[in-house]
C-alpha atoms as a PDB file:
ATOM      1  CA  MET A   1     -40.696 -42.968   8.666  1.00  0.00           C
ATOM      2  CA  ASN A   2     -37.853 -41.396   6.824  1.00  0.00           C
ATOM      3  CA  ASN A   3     -37.399 -42.366   3.149  1.00  0.00           C
ATOM      4  CA  ARG A   4     -33.634 -41.992   3.288  1.00  0.00           C
ATOM      5  CA  ASP A   5     -31.480 -45.080   3.393  1.00  0.00           C
ATOM      6  CA  TRP A   6     -28.862 -45.679   6.042  1.00  0.00           C
ATOM      7  CA  TYR A   7     -26.060 -45.130   3.506  1.00  0.00           C
ATOM      8  CA  ASP A   8     -27.376 -41.775   2.285  1.00  0.00           C
ATOM      9  CA  ASP A   9     -24.576 -39.267   2.719  1.00  0.00           C
ATOM     10  CA  GLY A  10     -26.130 -36.369   0.803  1.00  0.00           C
ATOM     11  CA  ASP A  11     -25.849 -34.007   3.752  1.00  0.00           C
ATOM     12  CA  TYR A  12     -22.168 -34.742   4.165  1.00  0.00           C
ATOM     13  CA  THR A  13     -21.517 -34.384   0.452  1.00  0.00           C
ATOM     14  CA  SER A  14     -23.205 -30.998   0.305  1.00  0.00           C
ATOM     15  CA  ALA A  15     -21.266 -29.878   3.388  1.00  0.00           C
ATOM     16  CA  VAL A  16     -17.998 -30.908   1.751  1.00  0.00           C
ATOM     17  CA  GLU A  17     -18.903 -29.083  -1.463  1.00  0.00           C
ATOM     18  CA  GLN A  18     -19.768 -25.937   0.487  1.00  0.00           C
ATOM     19  CA  ALA A  19     -16.498 -26.165   2.411  1.00  0.00           C
ATOM     20  CA  GLU A  20     -14.563 -26.516  -0.850  1.00  0.00           C
ATOM     21  CA  ARG A  21     -16.348 -23.463  -2.295  1.00  0.00           C
ATOM     22  CA  MET A  22     -15.556 -21.417   0.790  1.00  0.00           C
ATOM     23  CA  THR A  23     -11.935 -22.565   0.647  1.00  0.00           C
ATOM     24  CA  ARG A  24     -11.664 -21.356  -2.955  1.00  0.00           C
ATOM     25  CA  VAL A  25     -13.228 -18.014  -2.007  1.00  0.00           C
ATOM     26  CA  GLY A  26     -10.815 -17.709   0.914  1.00  0.00           C
ATOM     27  CA  TRP A  27      -7.769 -18.391  -1.230  1.00  0.00           C
ATOM     28  CA  LYS A  28      -8.960 -15.863  -3.822  1.00  0.00           C
ATOM     29  CA  ALA A  29      -9.342 -13.256  -1.071  1.00  0.00           C
ATOM     30  CA  ILE A  30      -5.892 -14.040   0.298  1.00  0.00           C
ATOM     31  CA  GLY A  31      -4.406 -13.726  -3.193  1.00  0.00           C
ATOM     32  CA  ALA A  32      -6.159 -10.419  -3.832  1.00  0.00           C
ATOM     33  CA  VAL A  33      -5.049  -8.892  -0.536  1.00  0.00           C
ATOM     34  CA  THR A  34      -1.489 -10.110  -1.058  1.00  0.00           C
ATOM     35  CA  GLY A  35      -1.441  -8.633  -4.549  1.00  0.00           C
ATOM     36  CA  LEU A  36      -2.746  -5.289  -3.316  1.00  0.00           C
ATOM     37  CA  LEU A  37      -0.174  -5.211  -0.535  1.00  0.00           C
ATOM     38  CA  GLY A  38       2.558  -5.971  -3.067  1.00  0.00           C
ATOM     39  CA  ILE A  39       1.403  -3.124  -5.279  1.00  0.00           C
ATOM     40  CA  ALA A  40       1.325  -0.788  -2.259  1.00  0.00           C
ATOM     41  CA  VAL A  41       4.884  -1.751  -1.280  1.00  0.00           C
ATOM     42  CA  ILE A  42       6.105  -1.169  -4.827  1.00  0.00           C
ATOM     43  CA  GLY A  43       4.385   2.241  -4.794  1.00  0.00           C
ATOM     44  CA  VAL A  44       6.067   3.207  -1.527  1.00  0.00           C
ATOM     45  CA  VAL A  45       9.468   2.165  -2.878  1.00  0.00           C
ATOM     46  CA  VAL A  46       8.941   4.210  -6.045  1.00  0.00           C
ATOM     47  CA  VAL A  47       7.933   7.288  -4.034  1.00  0.00           C
ATOM     48  CA  CYS A  48      10.953   6.903  -1.728  1.00  0.00           C
ATOM     49  CA  LEU A  49      13.283   6.590  -4.709  1.00  0.00           C
ATOM     50  CA  ALA A  50      11.725   9.659  -6.326  1.00  0.00           C
ATOM     51  CA  VAL A  51      12.229  11.646  -3.112  1.00  0.00           C
ATOM     52  CA  ALA A  52      15.851  10.469  -2.869  1.00  0.00           C
ATOM     53  CA  VAL A  53      16.556  11.470  -6.486  1.00  0.00           C
ATOM     54  CA  ALA A  54      14.901  14.865  -5.909  1.00  0.00           C
ATOM     55  CA  MET A  55      16.976  15.452  -2.789  1.00  0.00           C
ATOM     56  CA  ALA A  56      20.156  14.463  -4.612  1.00  0.00           C
ATOM     57  CA  TYR A  57      19.252  16.861  -7.421  1.00  0.00           C
ATOM     58  CA  VAL A  58      18.738  19.698  -4.929  1.00  0.00           C
ATOM     59  CA  VAL A  59      22.103  18.985  -3.295  1.00  0.00           C
ATOM     60  CA  VAL A  60      23.934  18.829  -6.626  1.00  0.00           C
ATOM     61  CA  ALA A  61      22.180  21.952  -7.969  1.00  0.00           C
ATOM     62  CA  MET A  62      23.216  24.099  -4.979  1.00  0.00           C
ATOM     63  CA  PRO A  63      25.898  26.656  -5.846  1.00  0.00           C
END
């Protein structure tokens, strides 16, 4: 017969701990992807502003 008592909830506890670990990993992944997307958007804005300033310089520099 099984040596485990009827109130043994070790399997459930380990499942909950694993779910909590996976939740933390998921939130870290979401944070990393969001941060990278934010950096990419800032980069695109900087490039667009640089192009706009360059175009304005060309227009002003024309004789």
